[in-house]
Amino acid sequence: MHDALYKAAKLPVSSSEQLLFDHYYNRLVSENEKYNLTAITDEKDVHIKHFIDSMLIKVFFDTYKIETKQKRLIDIGTGAGFPAIPIKILYPEIEVTGLDSLKKRIAFLEMLKEDLTLKDIQFIHGRAEDYGRDTLYRETYDFAVSRAVAELRMLLEYVMPFVKVGGYFVAYKSLKYAEELENAENALKQMKTRYIETIRIVLPENSGERELMIFQKMENIQKKYPRKAGMPKKNPL
């Protein structure tokens, strides 16, 4: 039904993948009131503004010829599974972790994971400031992503402790991304991270633009980061 939308976005999906997205949509809408998952419920809008938008990381992978086999990705503040689950559907070979601070969203994602029979994907309940200090997660991911979570200077402190040296962070941003980048100069320095570029992509059906901000971690960061829960927001770097 939505093949044309995915083709317009240069994200052709197979019939089996399309079925997964259709099931994802149906479950998202049916459980939305219970779990407070999304303000967007129109079917076409969900496919464009959630599913296709999440899959735009493909532009980064393709542009930089990034190898995705045997790689690990974490989605900080995954919410209703965006962009973690669409990325997993598009790249089944990537091991995916979704982290969210709201327990009921994790319950929804665990149910959805079973419904879609997704493998090598886990969802964890907690705060980035706590898990970023845990040796099971700290500096163990090749890629990190985050969508509509926080201003960049806070986001870098939440996310970069999870990323391996040499690994990448793709921030899904829009509108004030240039201003956020300017304000994040100190955060980039403390997180030993370099800004590479911003890839601007126009969504199908006049649905707006998405800016993918690409960062790379260059060195190990100090053990004092991330600071304790609440500090990055209260006193941003």
C-alpha atoms as a PDB file:
ATOM      1  CA  MET A   1       0.000   0.000   0.000  1.00  0.00           C
ATOM      2  CA  HIS A   2       2.796   2.420   0.857  1.00  0.00           C
ATOM      3  CA  ASP A   3       5.416   1.207  -1.616  1.00  0.00           C
ATOM      4  CA  ALA A   4       5.374   4.522  -3.471  1.00  0.00           C
ATOM      5  CA  LEU A   5       6.240   6.448  -0.310  1.00  0.00           C
ATOM      6  CA  TYR A   6       9.275   4.286   0.408  1.00  0.00           C
ATOM      7  CA  LYS A   7      10.420   4.455  -3.211  1.00  0.00           C
ATOM      8  CA  ALA A   8      10.029   8.238  -3.192  1.00  0.00           C
ATOM      9  CA  ALA A   9      12.333   8.320  -0.179  1.00  0.00           C
ATOM     10  CA  LYS A  10      14.784   5.979  -1.964  1.00  0.00           C
ATOM     11  CA  LEU A  11      14.100   3.398   0.715  1.00  0.00           C
ATOM     12  CA  PRO A  12      12.570   0.492  -1.170  1.00  0.00           C
ATOM     13  CA  VAL A  13      11.438  -2.247   1.185  1.00  0.00           C
ATOM     14  CA  SER A  14      10.574  -5.866   0.453  1.00  0.00           C
ATOM     15  CA  SER A  15       7.030  -7.192   0.776  1.00  0.00           C
ATOM     16  CA  SER A  16       7.988  -8.960   4.026  1.00  0.00           C
ATOM     17  CA  GLU A  17       9.446  -5.745   5.440  1.00  0.00           C
ATOM     18  CA  GLN A  18       6.329  -3.847   4.408  1.00  0.00           C
ATOM     19  CA  LEU A  19       4.227  -6.351   6.325  1.00  0.00           C
ATOM     20  CA  LEU A  20       6.322  -5.682   9.422  1.00  0.00           C
ATOM     21  CA  PHE A  21       5.763  -1.948   9.089  1.00  0.00           C
ATOM     22  CA  ASP A  22       2.039  -2.452   8.575  1.00  0.00           C
ATOM     23  CA  HIS A  23       1.862  -4.597  11.697  1.00  0.00           C
ATOM     24  CA  TYR A  24       3.955  -2.044  13.583  1.00  0.00           C
ATOM     25  CA  TYR A  25       1.489   0.690  12.582  1.00  0.00           C
ATOM     26  CA  ASN A  26      -1.546  -1.334  13.638  1.00  0.00           C
ATOM     27  CA  ARG A  27      -0.035  -2.172  17.018  1.00  0.00           C
ATOM     28  CA  LEU A  28       1.158   1.406  17.553  1.00  0.00           C
ATOM     29  CA  VAL A  29      -2.324   2.823  16.984  1.00  0.00           C
ATOM     30  CA  SER A  30      -4.198   0.128  18.910  1.00  0.00           C
ATOM     31  CA  GLU A  31      -1.959   0.514  21.973  1.00  0.00           C
ATOM     32  CA  ASN A  32      -1.399   4.271  21.705  1.00  0.00           C
ATOM     33  CA  GLU A  33      -3.950   5.380  24.282  1.00  0.00           C
ATOM     34  CA  LYS A  34      -2.716   2.874  26.836  1.00  0.00           C
ATOM     35  CA  TYR A  35       0.978   3.661  26.441  1.00  0.00           C
ATOM     36  CA  ASN A  36       0.879   7.302  25.201  1.00  0.00           C
ATOM     37  CA  LEU A  37       3.221   6.525  22.306  1.00  0.00           C
ATOM     38  CA  THR A  38       2.695   9.143  19.604  1.00  0.00           C
ATOM     39  CA  ALA A  39       0.667  12.203  18.672  1.00  0.00           C
ATOM     40  CA  ILE A  40       0.837  11.133  15.024  1.00  0.00           C
ATOM     41  CA  THR A  41      -1.712   8.437  14.173  1.00  0.00           C
ATOM     42  CA  ASP A  42      -2.688   9.016  10.525  1.00  0.00           C
ATOM     43  CA  GLU A  43      -1.432   5.973   8.616  1.00  0.00           C
ATOM     44  CA  LYS A  44       0.444   7.808   5.870  1.00  0.00           C
ATOM     45  CA  ASP A  45       1.939  10.258   8.350  1.00  0.00           C
ATOM     46  CA  VAL A  46       3.187   7.442  10.581  1.00  0.00           C
ATOM     47  CA  HIS A  47       4.875   5.756   7.619  1.00  0.00           C
ATOM     48  CA  ILE A  48       6.558   9.005   6.565  1.00  0.00           C
ATOM     49  CA  LYS A  49       7.242  10.841   9.823  1.00  0.00           C
ATOM     50  CA  HIS A  50       8.137   7.825  11.943  1.00  0.00           C
ATOM     51  CA  PHE A  51       9.138   4.833   9.803  1.00  0.00           C
ATOM     52  CA  ILE A  52      10.767   6.483   6.775  1.00  0.00           C
ATOM     53  CA  ASP A  53      12.267   9.229   8.937  1.00  0.00           C
ATOM     54  CA  SER A  54      13.856   6.586  11.184  1.00  0.00           C
ATOM     55  CA  MET A  55      15.319   4.739   8.200  1.00  0.00           C
ATOM     56  CA  LEU A  56      17.129   7.802   6.850  1.00  0.00           C
ATOM     57  CA  ILE A  57      20.292   6.582   8.568  1.00  0.00           C
ATOM     58  CA  LYS A  58      20.690   4.605   5.327  1.00  0.00           C
ATOM     59  CA  VAL A  59      21.840   7.839   3.691  1.00  0.00           C
ATOM     60  CA  PHE A  60      24.703   8.067   6.192  1.00  0.00           C
ATOM     61  CA  PHE A  61      25.656   4.400   5.831  1.00  0.00           C
ATOM     62  CA  ASP A  62      25.605   4.632   2.036  1.00  0.00           C
ATOM     63  CA  THR A  63      27.408   7.994   1.821  1.00  0.00           C
ATOM     64  CA  TYR A  64      30.292   6.851   3.994  1.00  0.00           C
ATOM     65  CA  LYS A  65      30.229   3.220   2.844  1.00  0.00           C
ATOM     66  CA  ILE A  66      29.779   2.057   6.437  1.00  0.00           C
ATOM     67  CA  GLU A  67      29.921  -1.679   7.092  1.00  0.00           C
ATOM     68  CA  THR A  68      26.914  -2.823   9.135  1.00  0.00           C
ATOM     69  CA  LYS A  69      27.604  -6.533   9.597  1.00  0.00           C
ATOM     70  CA  GLN A  70      28.394  -7.581  13.175  1.00  0.00           C
ATOM     71  CA  LYS A  71      27.878  -4.028  14.409  1.00  0.00           C
ATOM     72  CA  ARG A  72      26.052  -2.754  17.485  1.00  0.00           C
ATOM     73  CA  LEU A  73      23.737   0.262  17.682  1.00  0.00           C
ATOM     74  CA  ILE A  74      22.034   1.953  20.634  1.00  0.00           C
ATOM     75  CA  ASP A  75      19.022   4.261  20.460  1.00  0.00           C
ATOM     76  CA  ILE A  76      18.938   6.684  23.407  1.00  0.00           C
ATOM     77  CA  GLY A  77      15.382   7.705  24.327  1.00  0.00           C
ATOM     78  CA  THR A  78      13.810   5.240  21.932  1.00  0.00           C
ATOM     79  CA  GLY A  79      10.206   6.059  22.923  1.00  0.00           C
ATOM     80  CA  ALA A  80       7.867   4.018  20.727  1.00  0.00           C
ATOM     81  CA  GLY A  81      10.847   2.405  19.006  1.00  0.00           C
ATOM     82  CA  PHE A  82      11.966   5.225  16.726  1.00  0.00           C
ATOM     83  CA  PRO A  83      14.426   4.968  15.156  1.00  0.00           C
ATOM     84  CA  ALA A  84      15.537   1.624  16.679  1.00  0.00           C
ATOM     85  CA  ILE A  85      12.923  -0.742  15.226  1.00  0.00           C
ATOM     86  CA  PRO A  86      12.783   0.648  11.666  1.00  0.00           C
ATOM     87  CA  ILE A  87      16.591   0.488  11.600  1.00  0.00           C
ATOM     88  CA  LYS A  88      16.424  -3.118  12.802  1.00  0.00           C
ATOM     89  CA  ILE A  89      13.905  -4.014  10.087  1.00  0.00           C
ATOM     90  CA  LEU A  90      16.064  -2.385   7.412  1.00  0.00           C
ATOM     91  CA  TYR A  91      19.344  -3.778   8.798  1.00  0.00           C
ATOM     92  CA  PRO A  92      18.580  -7.111  10.488  1.00  0.00           C
ATOM     93  CA  GLU A  93      22.318  -7.802  10.786  1.00  0.00           C
ATOM     94  CA  ILE A  94      22.813  -4.955  13.280  1.00  0.00           C
ATOM     95  CA  GLU A  95      22.466  -5.780  16.990  1.00  0.00           C
ATOM     96  CA  VAL A  96      20.185  -3.087  18.404  1.00  0.00           C
ATOM     97  CA  THR A  97      19.571  -1.775  21.917  1.00  0.00           C
ATOM     98  CA  GLY A  98      16.789   0.675  22.778  1.00  0.00           C
ATOM     99  CA  LEU A  99      17.012   2.622  26.034  1.00  0.00           C
ATOM    100  CA  ASP A 100      14.106   4.569  27.514  1.00  0.00           C
ATOM    101  CA  SER A 101      13.355   5.999  30.947  1.00  0.00           C
ATOM    102  CA  LEU A 102       9.625   5.216  30.795  1.00  0.00           C
ATOM    103  CA  LYS A 103       8.848   1.666  31.887  1.00  0.00           C
ATOM    104  CA  LYS A 104       5.499   1.375  30.114  1.00  0.00           C
ATOM    105  CA  ARG A 105       7.129   2.188  26.766  1.00  0.00           C
ATOM    106  CA  ILE A 106       9.604  -0.627  27.341  1.00  0.00           C
ATOM    107  CA  ALA A 107       6.664  -2.944  28.034  1.00  0.00           C
ATOM    108  CA  PHE A 108       5.134  -1.940  24.693  1.00  0.00           C
ATOM    109  CA  LEU A 109       8.444  -2.492  22.867  1.00  0.00           C
ATOM    110  CA  GLU A 110       8.923  -5.938  24.391  1.00  0.00           C
ATOM    111  CA  MET A 111       5.436  -6.885  23.202  1.00  0.00           C
ATOM    112  CA  LEU A 112       6.156  -5.462  19.743  1.00  0.00           C
ATOM    113  CA  LYS A 113       9.469  -7.308  19.538  1.00  0.00           C
ATOM    114  CA  GLU A 114       7.642 -10.597  20.051  1.00  0.00           C
ATOM    115  CA  ASP A 115       4.900  -9.667  17.569  1.00  0.00           C
ATOM    116  CA  LEU A 116       7.431  -8.843  14.854  1.00  0.00           C
ATOM    117  CA  THR A 117       9.703 -11.791  15.817  1.00  0.00           C
ATOM    118  CA  LEU A 118      12.765  -9.546  15.805  1.00  0.00           C
ATOM    119  CA  LYS A 119      16.099 -11.094  16.760  1.00  0.00           C
ATOM    120  CA  ASP A 120      19.170  -9.511  18.362  1.00  0.00           C
ATOM    121  CA  ILE A 121      17.314  -6.513  19.730  1.00  0.00           C
ATOM    122  CA  GLN A 122      16.887  -5.617  23.404  1.00  0.00           C
ATOM    123  CA  PHE A 123      15.091  -2.876  25.273  1.00  0.00           C
ATOM    124  CA  ILE A 124      16.237  -1.576  28.620  1.00  0.00           C
ATOM    125  CA  HIS A 125      14.483   0.661  31.133  1.00  0.00           C
ATOM    126  CA  GLY A 126      16.580   3.363  32.720  1.00  0.00           C
ATOM    127  CA  ARG A 127      18.433   6.632  32.325  1.00  0.00           C
ATOM    128  CA  ALA A 128      21.343   7.222  30.010  1.00  0.00           C
ATOM    129  CA  GLU A 129      23.338   8.785  32.841  1.00  0.00           C
ATOM    130  CA  ASP A 130      23.238   5.482  34.745  1.00  0.00           C
ATOM    131  CA  TYR A 131      23.742   3.008  31.900  1.00  0.00           C
ATOM    132  CA  GLY A 132      26.500   5.161  30.396  1.00  0.00           C
ATOM    133  CA  ARG A 133      28.622   4.318  33.447  1.00  0.00           C
ATOM    134  CA  ASP A 134      27.875   0.586  33.301  1.00  0.00           C
ATOM    135  CA  THR A 135      30.801  -1.377  31.841  1.00  0.00           C
ATOM    136  CA  LEU A 136      28.364  -3.684  30.024  1.00  0.00           C
ATOM    137  CA  TYR A 137      27.270  -0.726  27.897  1.00  0.00           C
ATOM    138  CA  ARG A 138      29.957   1.938  28.151  1.00  0.00           C
ATOM    139  CA  GLU A 139      31.962   2.390  24.948  1.00  0.00           C
ATOM    140  CA  THR A 140      30.638  -0.859  23.458  1.00  0.00           C
ATOM    141  CA  TYR A 141      28.556   0.458  20.526  1.00  0.00           C
ATOM    142  CA  ASP A 142      29.650   1.155  16.966  1.00  0.00           C
ATOM    143  CA  PHE A 143      26.719   3.500  16.375  1.00  0.00           C
ATOM    144  CA  ALA A 144      24.382   5.553  18.524  1.00  0.00           C
ATOM    145  CA  VAL A 145      21.241   7.349  17.421  1.00  0.00           C
ATOM    146  CA  SER A 146      18.758   9.641  19.118  1.00  0.00           C
ATOM    147  CA  ARG A 147      15.650  11.362  17.839  1.00  0.00           C
ATOM    148  CA  ALA A 148      13.823  14.303  19.418  1.00  0.00           C
ATOM    149  CA  VAL A 149      15.259  13.762  22.904  1.00  0.00           C
ATOM    150  CA  ALA A 150      17.234  16.830  24.017  1.00  0.00           C
ATOM    151  CA  GLU A 151      19.313  19.799  22.971  1.00  0.00           C
ATOM    152  CA  LEU A 152      22.615  18.725  21.415  1.00  0.00           C
ATOM    153  CA  ARG A 153      24.945  19.802  24.237  1.00  0.00           C
ATOM    154  CA  MET A 154      22.967  17.616  26.680  1.00  0.00           C
ATOM    155  CA  LEU A 155      22.501  14.847  24.153  1.00  0.00           C
ATOM    156  CA  LEU A 156      26.235  14.464  23.590  1.00  0.00           C
ATOM    157  CA  GLU A 157      26.770  13.755  27.284  1.00  0.00           C
ATOM    158  CA  TYR A 158      23.911  11.255  27.311  1.00  0.00           C
ATOM    159  CA  VAL A 159      25.059   9.425  24.175  1.00  0.00           C
ATOM    160  CA  MET A 160      28.816   9.533  23.672  1.00  0.00           C
ATOM    161  CA  PRO A 161      29.739   7.423  26.749  1.00  0.00           C
ATOM    162  CA  PHE A 162      28.086   4.471  24.947  1.00  0.00           C
ATOM    163  CA  VAL A 163      30.076   4.891  21.720  1.00  0.00           C
ATOM    164  CA  LYS A 164      33.357   3.150  20.960  1.00  0.00           C
ATOM    165  CA  VAL A 165      36.378   5.223  20.021  1.00  0.00           C
ATOM    166  CA  GLY A 166      36.048   5.606  16.257  1.00  0.00           C
ATOM    167  CA  GLY A 167      32.283   4.992  16.430  1.00  0.00           C
ATOM    168  CA  TYR A 168      29.570   7.318  15.184  1.00  0.00           C
ATOM    169  CA  PHE A 169      26.625   9.202  16.617  1.00  0.00           C
ATOM    170  CA  VAL A 170      23.779  10.184  14.282  1.00  0.00           C
ATOM    171  CA  ALA A 171      21.521  12.828  15.820  1.00  0.00           C
ATOM    172  CA  TYR A 172      18.118  13.224  14.186  1.00  0.00           C
ATOM    173  CA  LYS A 173      17.560  16.972  14.285  1.00  0.00           C
ATOM    174  CA  SER A 174      15.626  19.762  12.607  1.00  0.00           C
ATOM    175  CA  LEU A 175      15.072  23.515  12.702  1.00  0.00           C
ATOM    176  CA  LYS A 176      17.600  24.907  15.222  1.00  0.00           C
ATOM    177  CA  TYR A 177      20.359  22.372  14.601  1.00  0.00           C
ATOM    178  CA  ALA A 178      22.927  25.045  13.600  1.00  0.00           C
ATOM    179  CA  GLU A 179      22.301  27.021  16.782  1.00  0.00           C
ATOM    180  CA  GLU A 180      22.515  23.838  18.849  1.00  0.00           C
ATOM    181  CA  LEU A 181      25.842  22.964  17.231  1.00  0.00           C
ATOM    182  CA  GLU A 182      27.236  26.393  18.064  1.00  0.00           C
ATOM    183  CA  ASN A 183      26.205  25.962  21.706  1.00  0.00           C
ATOM    184  CA  ALA A 184      27.739  22.474  21.896  1.00  0.00           C
ATOM    185  CA  GLU A 185      31.369  23.484  21.418  1.00  0.00           C
ATOM    186  CA  ASN A 186      32.380  22.612  24.981  1.00  0.00           C
ATOM    187  CA  ALA A 187      30.331  19.408  25.014  1.00  0.00           C
ATOM    188  CA  LEU A 188      32.100  18.229  21.856  1.00  0.00           C
ATOM    189  CA  LYS A 189      35.458  18.944  23.478  1.00  0.00           C
ATOM    190  CA  GLN A 190      34.628  17.103  26.715  1.00  0.00           C
ATOM    191  CA  MET A 191      33.126  14.155  24.842  1.00  0.00           C
ATOM    192  CA  LYS A 192      36.241  13.892  22.619  1.00  0.00           C
ATOM    193  CA  THR A 193      33.939  14.078  19.637  1.00  0.00           C
ATOM    194  CA  ARG A 194      34.267  15.699  16.229  1.00  0.00           C
ATOM    195  CA  TYR A 195      31.428  17.023  14.166  1.00  0.00           C
ATOM    196  CA  ILE A 196      31.574  15.711  10.597  1.00  0.00           C
ATOM    197  CA  GLU A 197      28.604  17.180   8.762  1.00  0.00           C
ATOM    198  CA  THR A 198      24.845  17.615   8.654  1.00  0.00           C
ATOM    199  CA  ILE A 199      22.966  15.727   5.944  1.00  0.00           C
ATOM    200  CA  ARG A 200      19.695  17.434   5.027  1.00  0.00           C
ATOM    201  CA  ILE A 201      16.949  15.211   3.618  1.00  0.00           C
ATOM    202  CA  VAL A 202      13.506  16.193   2.336  1.00  0.00           C
ATOM    203  CA  LEU A 203      10.746  13.802   3.377  1.00  0.00           C
ATOM    204  CA  PRO A 204       8.135  12.628   0.827  1.00  0.00           C
ATOM    205  CA  GLU A 205       4.723  14.276   0.335  1.00  0.00           C
ATOM    206  CA  ASN A 206       5.886  17.711   1.546  1.00  0.00           C
ATOM    207  CA  SER A 207       6.293  16.322   5.036  1.00  0.00           C
ATOM    208  CA  GLY A 208       9.204  18.539   5.993  1.00  0.00           C
ATOM    209  CA  GLU A 209      12.935  18.036   6.305  1.00  0.00           C
ATOM    210  CA  ARG A 210      15.214  15.987   8.480  1.00  0.00           C
ATOM    211  CA  GLU A 211      18.769  16.917   9.392  1.00  0.00           C
ATOM    212  CA  LEU A 212      21.085  14.058  10.306  1.00  0.00           C
ATOM    213  CA  MET A 213      23.997  15.435  12.314  1.00  0.00           C
ATOM    214  CA  ILE A 214      26.992  13.124  12.075  1.00  0.00           C
ATOM    215  CA  PHE A 215      29.588  12.899  14.844  1.00  0.00           C
ATOM    216  CA  GLN A 216      32.576  10.625  15.488  1.00  0.00           C
ATOM    217  CA  LYS A 217      34.194   9.794  18.809  1.00  0.00           C
ATOM    218  CA  MET A 218      37.941  10.312  18.645  1.00  0.00           C
ATOM    219  CA  GLU A 219      39.199   9.351  22.135  1.00  0.00           C
ATOM    220  CA  ASN A 220      38.045   7.792  25.402  1.00  0.00           C
ATOM    221  CA  ILE A 221      36.222  10.295  27.580  1.00  0.00           C
ATOM    222  CA  GLN A 222      36.860  10.969  31.267  1.00  0.00           C
ATOM    223  CA  LYS A 223      35.232   8.532  33.685  1.00  0.00           C
ATOM    224  CA  LYS A 224      33.347  11.351  35.406  1.00  0.00           C
ATOM    225  CA  TYR A 225      31.055  11.494  32.370  1.00  0.00           C
ATOM    226  CA  PRO A 226      28.164  11.111  32.191  1.00  0.00           C
ATOM    227  CA  ARG A 227      27.460  13.041  35.350  1.00  0.00           C
ATOM    228  CA  LYS A 228      24.786  11.777  37.723  1.00  0.00           C
ATOM    229  CA  ALA A 229      21.159  11.687  36.615  1.00  0.00           C
ATOM    230  CA  GLY A 230      19.682  15.130  36.051  1.00  0.00           C
ATOM    231  CA  MET A 231      22.978  17.040  35.941  1.00  0.00           C
ATOM    232  CA  PRO A 232      23.383  17.223  32.149  1.00  0.00           C
ATOM    233  CA  LYS A 233      19.963  18.879  31.903  1.00  0.00           C
ATOM    234  CA  LYS A 234      20.392  21.114  34.960  1.00  0.00           C
ATOM    235  CA  ASN A 235      23.891  22.262  34.050  1.00  0.00           C
ATOM    236  CA  PRO A 236      24.683  21.487  30.376  1.00  0.00           C
ATOM    237  CA  LEU A 237      28.310  21.338  29.305  1.00  0.00           C
END
